[in-house]
N, C-alpha and C. Protein backbone atom coordinates (compact mmCIF):
# COMPACT_ATOMS: atom_id res chain seq x y z
N MET A 1 -10.72 -7.34 -7.25
CA MET A 1 -9.50 -7.15 -6.51
C MET A 1 -9.48 -5.77 -5.83
N LYS A 2 -10.41 -4.93 -6.21
CA LYS A 2 -10.48 -3.59 -5.65
C LYS A 2 -10.58 -3.57 -4.12
N PRO A 3 -11.39 -4.42 -3.48
CA PRO A 3 -11.43 -4.42 -2.01
C PRO A 3 -10.08 -4.74 -1.37
N LEU A 4 -9.31 -5.61 -1.99
CA LEU A 4 -7.99 -5.96 -1.47
C LEU A 4 -7.04 -4.77 -1.56
N VAL A 5 -7.09 -4.04 -2.65
CA VAL A 5 -6.25 -2.85 -2.82
C VAL A 5 -6.60 -1.81 -1.76
N TYR A 6 -7.90 -1.58 -1.54
CA TYR A 6 -8.32 -0.64 -0.51
C TYR A 6 -7.88 -1.10 0.87
N TYR A 7 -8.01 -2.39 1.16
CA TYR A 7 -7.58 -2.93 2.45
C TYR A 7 -6.11 -2.61 2.68
N CYS A 8 -5.29 -2.79 1.67
CA CYS A 8 -3.86 -2.51 1.79
C CYS A 8 -3.61 -1.03 2.02
N ARG A 9 -4.35 -0.17 1.36
CA ARG A 9 -4.21 1.27 1.58
C ARG A 9 -4.50 1.64 3.03
N TRP A 10 -5.60 1.10 3.56
CA TRP A 10 -5.99 1.42 4.95
C TRP A 10 -4.95 0.91 5.94
N ARG A 11 -4.28 -0.18 5.61
CA ARG A 11 -3.31 -0.79 6.52
C ARG A 11 -1.87 -0.33 6.28
N GLY A 12 -1.64 0.44 5.22
CA GLY A 12 -0.29 0.89 4.90
C GLY A 12 0.59 -0.22 4.36
N ALA A 13 -0.02 -1.16 3.65
CA ALA A 13 0.72 -2.31 3.11
C ALA A 13 0.84 -2.19 1.59
N THR A 14 1.82 -2.88 1.07
CA THR A 14 2.02 -3.00 -0.37
C THR A 14 1.74 -4.45 -0.75
N LEU A 15 1.13 -4.64 -1.91
CA LEU A 15 0.85 -5.99 -2.39
C LEU A 15 2.06 -6.54 -3.15
N ARG A 16 2.40 -7.77 -2.84
CA ARG A 16 3.42 -8.50 -3.59
C ARG A 16 2.73 -9.77 -4.09
N LEU A 17 2.17 -9.69 -5.30
CA LEU A 17 1.43 -10.83 -5.84
C LEU A 17 2.39 -11.92 -6.28
N GLN A 18 2.01 -13.15 -5.95
CA GLN A 18 2.82 -14.30 -6.35
C GLN A 18 2.06 -15.22 -7.30
N GLY A 19 0.75 -15.04 -7.38
CA GLY A 19 -0.04 -15.86 -8.27
C GLY A 19 -1.44 -15.34 -8.43
N ARG A 20 -2.06 -15.76 -9.52
CA ARG A 20 -3.42 -15.34 -9.80
C ARG A 20 -4.12 -16.45 -10.57
N GLY A 21 -5.33 -16.76 -10.12
CA GLY A 21 -6.17 -17.72 -10.81
C GLY A 21 -7.46 -17.04 -11.23
N GLU A 22 -8.39 -17.81 -11.74
CA GLU A 22 -9.68 -17.24 -12.16
C GLU A 22 -10.48 -16.72 -10.97
N THR A 23 -10.31 -17.35 -9.80
CA THR A 23 -11.14 -16.99 -8.66
C THR A 23 -10.37 -16.43 -7.47
N ALA A 24 -9.04 -16.35 -7.56
CA ALA A 24 -8.28 -15.90 -6.40
C ALA A 24 -6.92 -15.31 -6.80
N VAL A 25 -6.38 -14.50 -5.90
CA VAL A 25 -4.99 -14.02 -6.01
C VAL A 25 -4.32 -14.33 -4.68
N TRP A 26 -3.01 -14.49 -4.69
CA TRP A 26 -2.29 -14.78 -3.46
C TRP A 26 -0.89 -14.19 -3.55
N GLY A 27 -0.29 -14.08 -2.39
CA GLY A 27 1.05 -13.50 -2.32
C GLY A 27 1.35 -13.04 -0.91
N GLN A 28 1.93 -11.82 -0.81
CA GLN A 28 2.32 -11.28 0.48
C GLN A 28 1.89 -9.82 0.60
N LEU A 29 1.51 -9.45 1.81
CA LEU A 29 1.34 -8.06 2.16
C LEU A 29 2.67 -7.61 2.75
N VAL A 30 3.18 -6.48 2.30
CA VAL A 30 4.49 -6.00 2.75
C VAL A 30 4.28 -4.73 3.56
N PHE A 31 4.80 -4.75 4.78
CA PHE A 31 4.73 -3.60 5.68
C PHE A 31 6.15 -3.11 5.93
N ILE A 32 6.35 -1.80 5.93
CA ILE A 32 7.66 -1.23 6.24
C ILE A 32 7.52 -0.35 7.47
N ASN A 33 8.17 -0.79 8.56
CA ASN A 33 8.16 -0.07 9.83
C ASN A 33 9.59 0.21 10.24
N ASP A 34 9.91 1.46 10.47
CA ASP A 34 11.27 1.85 10.87
C ASP A 34 12.33 1.27 9.93
N LYS A 35 12.05 1.36 8.63
CA LYS A 35 12.95 0.88 7.58
C LYS A 35 13.15 -0.64 7.61
N GLN A 36 12.31 -1.36 8.36
CA GLN A 36 12.31 -2.82 8.43
C GLN A 36 11.12 -3.34 7.64
N GLU A 37 11.37 -4.30 6.78
CA GLU A 37 10.30 -4.89 5.99
C GLU A 37 9.79 -6.15 6.67
N SER A 38 8.47 -6.24 6.81
CA SER A 38 7.86 -7.48 7.29
C SER A 38 6.79 -7.89 6.29
N THR A 39 6.58 -9.19 6.17
CA THR A 39 5.62 -9.69 5.19
C THR A 39 4.60 -10.60 5.87
N GLN A 40 3.46 -10.71 5.23
CA GLN A 40 2.39 -11.59 5.71
C GLN A 40 1.77 -12.24 4.48
N ASN A 41 1.73 -13.56 4.46
CA ASN A 41 1.14 -14.29 3.35
C ASN A 41 -0.38 -14.11 3.35
N PHE A 42 -0.95 -14.04 2.14
CA PHE A 42 -2.40 -13.88 2.02
C PHE A 42 -2.94 -14.68 0.84
N HIS A 43 -4.23 -14.92 0.89
CA HIS A 43 -5.01 -15.51 -0.20
C HIS A 43 -6.31 -14.74 -0.25
N PHE A 44 -6.68 -14.22 -1.41
CA PHE A 44 -7.89 -13.40 -1.54
C PHE A 44 -8.81 -14.02 -2.58
N ASP A 45 -10.03 -14.35 -2.15
CA ASP A 45 -11.04 -14.91 -3.04
C ASP A 45 -11.72 -13.76 -3.78
N LEU A 46 -11.62 -13.75 -5.10
CA LEU A 46 -12.16 -12.66 -5.91
C LEU A 46 -13.68 -12.65 -5.98
N ASN A 47 -14.31 -13.79 -5.72
CA ASN A 47 -15.77 -13.87 -5.79
C ASN A 47 -16.44 -13.48 -4.48
N THR A 48 -15.89 -13.93 -3.37
CA THR A 48 -16.53 -13.68 -2.06
C THR A 48 -15.89 -12.53 -1.30
N TRP A 49 -14.74 -12.03 -1.78
CA TRP A 49 -13.98 -10.97 -1.11
C TRP A 49 -13.51 -11.41 0.27
N GLN A 50 -13.24 -12.68 0.42
CA GLN A 50 -12.73 -13.19 1.70
C GLN A 50 -11.20 -13.21 1.64
N LEU A 51 -10.59 -12.57 2.62
CA LEU A 51 -9.14 -12.48 2.72
C LEU A 51 -8.67 -13.44 3.81
N THR A 52 -7.75 -14.30 3.46
CA THR A 52 -7.16 -15.23 4.42
C THR A 52 -5.72 -14.82 4.64
N LEU A 53 -5.37 -14.55 5.91
CA LEU A 53 -4.03 -14.14 6.28
C LEU A 53 -3.36 -15.22 7.11
N GLU A 54 -2.07 -15.43 6.90
CA GLU A 54 -1.30 -16.36 7.72
C GLU A 54 -0.56 -15.57 8.78
N GLU A 55 -0.77 -15.95 10.04
CA GLU A 55 -0.11 -15.28 11.16
C GLU A 55 0.48 -16.33 12.08
N GLY A 56 1.79 -16.41 12.14
CA GLY A 56 2.46 -17.33 13.04
C GLY A 56 2.03 -18.78 12.88
N GLY A 57 1.87 -19.23 11.66
CA GLY A 57 1.48 -20.61 11.42
C GLY A 57 -0.03 -20.86 11.48
N GLU A 58 -0.80 -19.85 11.85
CA GLU A 58 -2.26 -19.96 11.90
C GLU A 58 -2.86 -19.08 10.81
N THR A 59 -4.09 -19.40 10.43
CA THR A 59 -4.77 -18.58 9.43
C THR A 59 -5.91 -17.79 10.07
N LYS A 60 -6.12 -16.61 9.52
CA LYS A 60 -7.19 -15.73 9.98
C LYS A 60 -7.97 -15.30 8.75
N GLN A 61 -9.29 -15.45 8.80
CA GLN A 61 -10.13 -15.08 7.67
C GLN A 61 -10.87 -13.78 7.98
N ILE A 62 -10.85 -12.88 7.00
CA ILE A 62 -11.52 -11.59 7.14
C ILE A 62 -12.42 -11.39 5.93
N GLN A 63 -13.66 -11.05 6.20
CA GLN A 63 -14.60 -10.74 5.12
C GLN A 63 -14.54 -9.24 4.84
N LEU A 64 -14.25 -8.87 3.60
CA LEU A 64 -14.16 -7.47 3.23
C LEU A 64 -15.41 -7.00 2.50
N ASP A 65 -15.72 -5.71 2.66
CA ASP A 65 -16.79 -5.13 1.86
C ASP A 65 -16.17 -4.48 0.62
N GLU A 66 -16.96 -3.79 -0.18
CA GLU A 66 -16.47 -3.22 -1.45
C GLU A 66 -15.41 -2.13 -1.25
N MET A 67 -15.32 -1.58 -0.03
CA MET A 67 -14.33 -0.55 0.25
C MET A 67 -13.11 -1.10 1.01
N GLY A 68 -13.01 -2.42 1.14
CA GLY A 68 -11.86 -3.03 1.78
C GLY A 68 -11.91 -2.98 3.29
N ILE A 69 -13.08 -2.77 3.86
CA ILE A 69 -13.25 -2.70 5.31
C ILE A 69 -13.76 -4.05 5.81
N ALA A 70 -13.18 -4.54 6.89
CA ALA A 70 -13.62 -5.82 7.47
C ALA A 70 -15.03 -5.68 8.03
N VAL A 71 -15.87 -6.64 7.66
CA VAL A 71 -17.25 -6.63 8.16
C VAL A 71 -17.49 -7.78 9.10
């Protein structure tokens, strides 16, 4: 889960976990801009470090390295 935590640090997001399984965690990334909170649903595969984000009804997959940087 370390790459996901780093990814959130780089993006200025807070994790709001809603569930955890043996191979994945899911929930929301929380961003605060101008005292406004916005959220983005995510699913993170703990084995492959693949982050799936939901954006406007579509999904976007990002492969993270050990430091949480998209490769």
